[in-house]
Amino acid sequence: MKQLPIDPLISRGGSGHLSLVGLPGAGKTTLGRQLAAHFNRPFLDLDVAIEVRTGRSVRAVFAEDGEAAFRAIEAAVLRDALALAGPPLVLATGGGTPCFHDNMALLNQAGLTLWLDVPSAVLAARLPPEEVAKRPLLAAAGGAEAWLRETLTARSQFYSQARLRCSAACTLPAVVAQLAGAGFALPATLPPAS
């Protein structure tokens, strides 16, 4: 398996990462990019990192290798990303990431975790058919809202271990205020450009 190519600015280690967890469609990638820009931190979407590592889409890995193999790859990519030296990341995890291989404990050890707890009806409305088709577990389920409801029931025990929970409107201003209340580092976490 090839090593994940990482831009030097995405390298970091130790603590101080901000990891977003939640169901598919909760806004982890969208909000993660906004938070990374706001806090001047590098952003990493774990699913994209997995695709770079494997040279295949997440959907292809699921289809060709199965979920157990995908979860092992996901855990390895997560550990590699969190172990790099440099400034702390804003990390958008996959929906199932916290539920396997003690990943939630690892995320909590690496920094602040935020659960984007969006109601399943809202999530289902956010996911048009073309988005559902991109998400292997959701595509296989048939009905998005029923799958999201059942999956939330199963995954809540992991998501609830996050240090923070956003269950209202998870907009950038609301989340920034919540993070400030938790003592999250302010902007300027990256070295100045030379």
Protein backbone atom coordinates (compact mmCIF):
# COMPACT_ATOMS: atom_id res chain seq x y z
CA MET A 1 0.00 0.00 0.00
CA LYS A 2 1.50 3.33 -1.01
CA GLN A 3 2.08 6.05 1.55
CA LEU A 4 -0.34 8.96 1.69
CA PRO A 5 1.19 11.99 -0.02
CA ILE A 6 0.70 14.94 2.31
CA ASP A 7 1.41 18.58 1.65
CA PRO A 8 3.97 19.85 4.21
CA LEU A 9 1.36 22.25 5.62
CA ILE A 10 -0.92 19.31 6.41
CA SER A 11 1.75 17.70 8.55
CA ARG A 12 1.32 17.91 12.30
CA GLY A 13 1.29 15.74 15.37
CA GLY A 14 0.70 15.72 19.06
CA SER A 15 -2.58 17.29 20.11
CA GLY A 16 -4.75 20.13 19.00
CA HIS A 17 -6.60 18.58 16.07
CA LEU A 18 -10.29 19.27 15.56
CA SER A 19 -12.18 16.20 14.32
CA LEU A 20 -15.76 16.30 13.10
CA VAL A 21 -17.92 13.19 13.46
CA GLY A 22 -21.50 12.42 12.49
CA LEU A 23 -23.73 10.69 9.99
CA PRO A 24 -23.35 11.05 6.21
CA GLY A 25 -24.70 14.41 5.10
CA ALA A 26 -24.19 16.08 8.50
CA GLY A 27 -21.85 18.64 6.93
CA LYS A 28 -18.50 17.39 8.19
CA THR A 29 -16.63 18.21 4.97
CA THR A 30 -18.37 21.52 4.28
CA LEU A 31 -18.10 22.80 7.85
CA GLY A 32 -14.62 21.32 8.18
CA ARG A 33 -13.34 23.37 5.25
CA GLN A 34 -14.95 26.50 6.69
CA LEU A 35 -13.45 25.88 10.13
CA ALA A 36 -10.02 25.19 8.65
CA ALA A 37 -10.14 28.49 6.77
CA HIS A 38 -11.43 30.36 9.82
CA PHE A 39 -8.79 28.95 12.17
CA ASN A 40 -6.03 29.00 9.52
CA ARG A 41 -5.44 25.27 9.85
CA PRO A 42 -4.95 22.57 7.24
CA PHE A 43 -8.03 20.53 6.34
CA LEU A 44 -8.15 16.81 5.65
CA ASP A 45 -11.17 14.82 4.48
CA LEU A 46 -10.46 11.26 5.60
CA ASP A 47 -12.40 9.70 2.70
CA VAL A 48 -10.31 11.67 0.20
CA ALA A 49 -7.12 10.57 1.97
CA ILE A 50 -8.29 6.95 1.71
CA GLU A 51 -8.93 7.40 -2.01
CA VAL A 52 -5.43 8.86 -2.46
CA ARG A 53 -3.89 6.00 -0.46
CA THR A 54 -5.72 3.23 -2.34
CA GLY A 55 -6.02 4.83 -5.76
CA ARG A 56 -9.72 3.87 -5.72
CA SER A 57 -12.97 5.48 -4.68
CA VAL A 58 -14.42 4.63 -1.28
CA ARG A 59 -17.30 2.99 -3.14
CA ALA A 60 -14.87 0.80 -5.12
CA VAL A 61 -13.00 -0.27 -1.97
CA PHE A 62 -16.31 -1.30 -0.35
CA ALA A 63 -17.45 -3.15 -3.48
CA GLU A 64 -14.18 -4.92 -4.22
CA ASP A 65 -12.77 -5.57 -0.74
CA GLY A 66 -15.74 -5.36 1.63
CA GLU A 67 -16.42 -3.22 4.66
CA ALA A 68 -13.95 -4.96 7.00
CA ALA A 69 -11.05 -4.26 4.63
CA PHE A 70 -12.23 -0.67 4.15
CA ARG A 71 -12.37 -0.13 7.93
CA ALA A 72 -8.80 -1.45 8.32
CA ILE A 73 -7.56 0.93 5.61
CA GLU A 74 -9.53 3.78 7.17
CA ALA A 75 -7.96 3.14 10.60
CA ALA A 76 -4.45 3.03 9.11
CA VAL A 77 -4.93 6.26 7.15
CA LEU A 78 -6.39 7.97 10.24
CA ARG A 79 -3.44 6.95 12.40
CA ASP A 80 -0.95 8.06 9.76
CA ALA A 81 -2.67 11.44 9.37
CA LEU A 82 -2.75 12.09 13.11
CA ALA A 83 0.89 11.05 13.54
CA LEU A 84 2.40 13.52 11.08
CA ALA A 85 4.41 16.42 12.50
CA GLY A 86 3.30 20.02 11.99
CA PRO A 87 0.27 22.24 12.66
CA PRO A 88 -2.99 20.71 13.92
CA LEU A 89 -5.64 19.65 11.41
CA VAL A 90 -9.32 20.11 10.99
CA LEU A 91 -10.39 16.57 10.09
CA ALA A 92 -13.66 15.45 8.51
CA THR A 93 -14.09 11.78 9.33
CA GLY A 94 -16.24 9.29 7.51
CA GLY A 95 -19.59 8.57 9.11
CA GLY A 96 -18.48 5.18 10.42
CA THR A 97 -14.92 6.13 11.34
CA PRO A 98 -15.54 6.58 15.09
CA CYS A 99 -17.19 3.15 15.36
CA PHE A 100 -14.26 0.90 14.48
CA HIS A 101 -10.72 0.07 15.64
CA ASP A 102 -10.92 2.37 18.73
CA ASN A 103 -10.90 5.36 16.37
CA MET A 104 -13.10 7.51 18.62
CA ALA A 105 -10.68 7.13 21.52
CA LEU A 106 -7.82 8.02 19.19
CA LEU A 107 -9.63 11.11 17.92
CA ASN A 108 -10.33 12.25 21.49
CA GLN A 109 -6.67 11.75 22.43
CA ALA A 110 -5.55 13.76 19.39
CA GLY A 111 -7.60 16.86 20.17
CA LEU A 112 -11.12 18.20 20.25
CA THR A 113 -13.97 16.19 18.75
CA LEU A 114 -17.29 17.65 17.61
CA TRP A 115 -20.39 15.59 16.86
CA LEU A 116 -22.61 17.18 14.22
CA ASP A 117 -25.88 15.71 15.46
CA VAL A 118 -28.31 16.48 12.65
CA PRO A 119 -31.79 14.82 12.63
CA SER A 120 -32.13 11.94 10.18
CA ALA A 121 -35.06 13.62 8.37
CA VAL A 122 -32.89 16.67 7.71
CA LEU A 123 -30.02 14.47 6.53
CA ALA A 124 -32.26 12.51 4.18
CA ALA A 125 -33.53 15.76 2.66
CA ARG A 126 -29.92 16.94 2.13
CA LEU A 127 -28.90 13.82 0.24
CA PRO A 128 -30.14 13.79 -3.35
CA PRO A 129 -30.11 10.42 -5.17
CA GLU A 130 -26.72 11.10 -6.78
CA GLU A 131 -25.18 11.68 -3.32
CA VAL A 132 -26.83 8.54 -1.91
CA ALA A 133 -25.34 6.56 -4.80
CA LYS A 134 -21.81 7.73 -3.83
CA ARG A 135 -22.15 6.41 -0.27
CA PRO A 136 -21.83 2.60 -0.26
CA LEU A 137 -23.75 1.74 2.91
CA LEU A 138 -26.50 4.25 2.20
CA ALA A 139 -26.84 3.17 -1.44
CA ALA A 140 -27.22 -0.48 -0.42
CA ALA A 141 -29.94 0.33 2.13
CA GLY A 142 -32.62 1.51 -0.28
CA GLY A 143 -34.38 4.11 1.89
CA ALA A 144 -32.13 6.90 3.12
CA GLU A 145 -34.15 8.14 6.09
CA ALA A 146 -34.80 4.69 7.58
CA TRP A 147 -31.12 3.76 7.18
CA LEU A 148 -30.00 7.03 8.75
CA ARG A 149 -32.35 6.55 11.72
CA GLU A 150 -31.18 2.97 12.32
CA THR A 151 -27.54 3.89 11.84
CA LEU A 152 -27.78 6.80 14.27
CA THR A 153 -29.19 4.42 16.87
CA ALA A 154 -26.23 2.08 16.37
CA ARG A 155 -23.55 4.78 16.17
CA SER A 156 -24.76 7.13 18.92
CA GLN A 157 -22.71 5.26 21.52
CA PHE A 158 -19.57 6.30 19.62
CA TYR A 159 -20.63 9.78 18.50
CA SER A 160 -21.69 10.64 22.05
CA GLN A 161 -18.07 10.22 23.17
CA ALA A 162 -17.20 13.43 21.28
CA ARG A 163 -16.19 16.24 23.60
CA LEU A 164 -18.63 18.67 21.96
CA ARG A 165 -22.01 18.21 20.31
CA CYS A 166 -23.77 20.53 17.90
CA SER A 167 -27.44 19.59 17.76
CA ALA A 168 -28.88 22.89 16.58
CA ALA A 169 -27.94 24.78 13.44
CA CYS A 170 -24.31 23.79 12.91
CA THR A 171 -23.33 26.97 11.08
CA LEU A 172 -19.82 28.37 11.11
CA PRO A 173 -20.64 31.22 13.56
CA ALA A 174 -22.49 28.86 15.94
CA VAL A 175 -19.71 26.28 15.92
CA VAL A 176 -16.95 28.88 16.26
CA ALA A 177 -18.75 30.26 19.32
CA GLN A 178 -19.10 26.75 20.76
CA LEU A 179 -15.42 26.03 20.13
CA ALA A 180 -14.39 29.33 21.74
CA GLY A 181 -16.40 28.36 24.80
CA ALA A 182 -14.43 25.12 24.93
CA GLY A 183 -11.10 27.01 24.72
CA PHE A 184 -10.25 25.93 21.19
CA ALA A 185 -7.19 27.68 19.73
CA LEU A 186 -7.82 30.88 17.84
CA PRO A 187 -6.50 31.63 14.30
CA ALA A 188 -2.82 31.86 13.45
CA THR A 189 -1.95 28.26 14.22
CA LEU A 190 0.14 27.97 11.06
CA PRO A 191 3.55 29.56 10.69
CA PRO A 192 3.53 32.78 8.64
CA ALA A 193 4.12 32.38 4.91
CA SER A 194 7.66 33.18 3.85
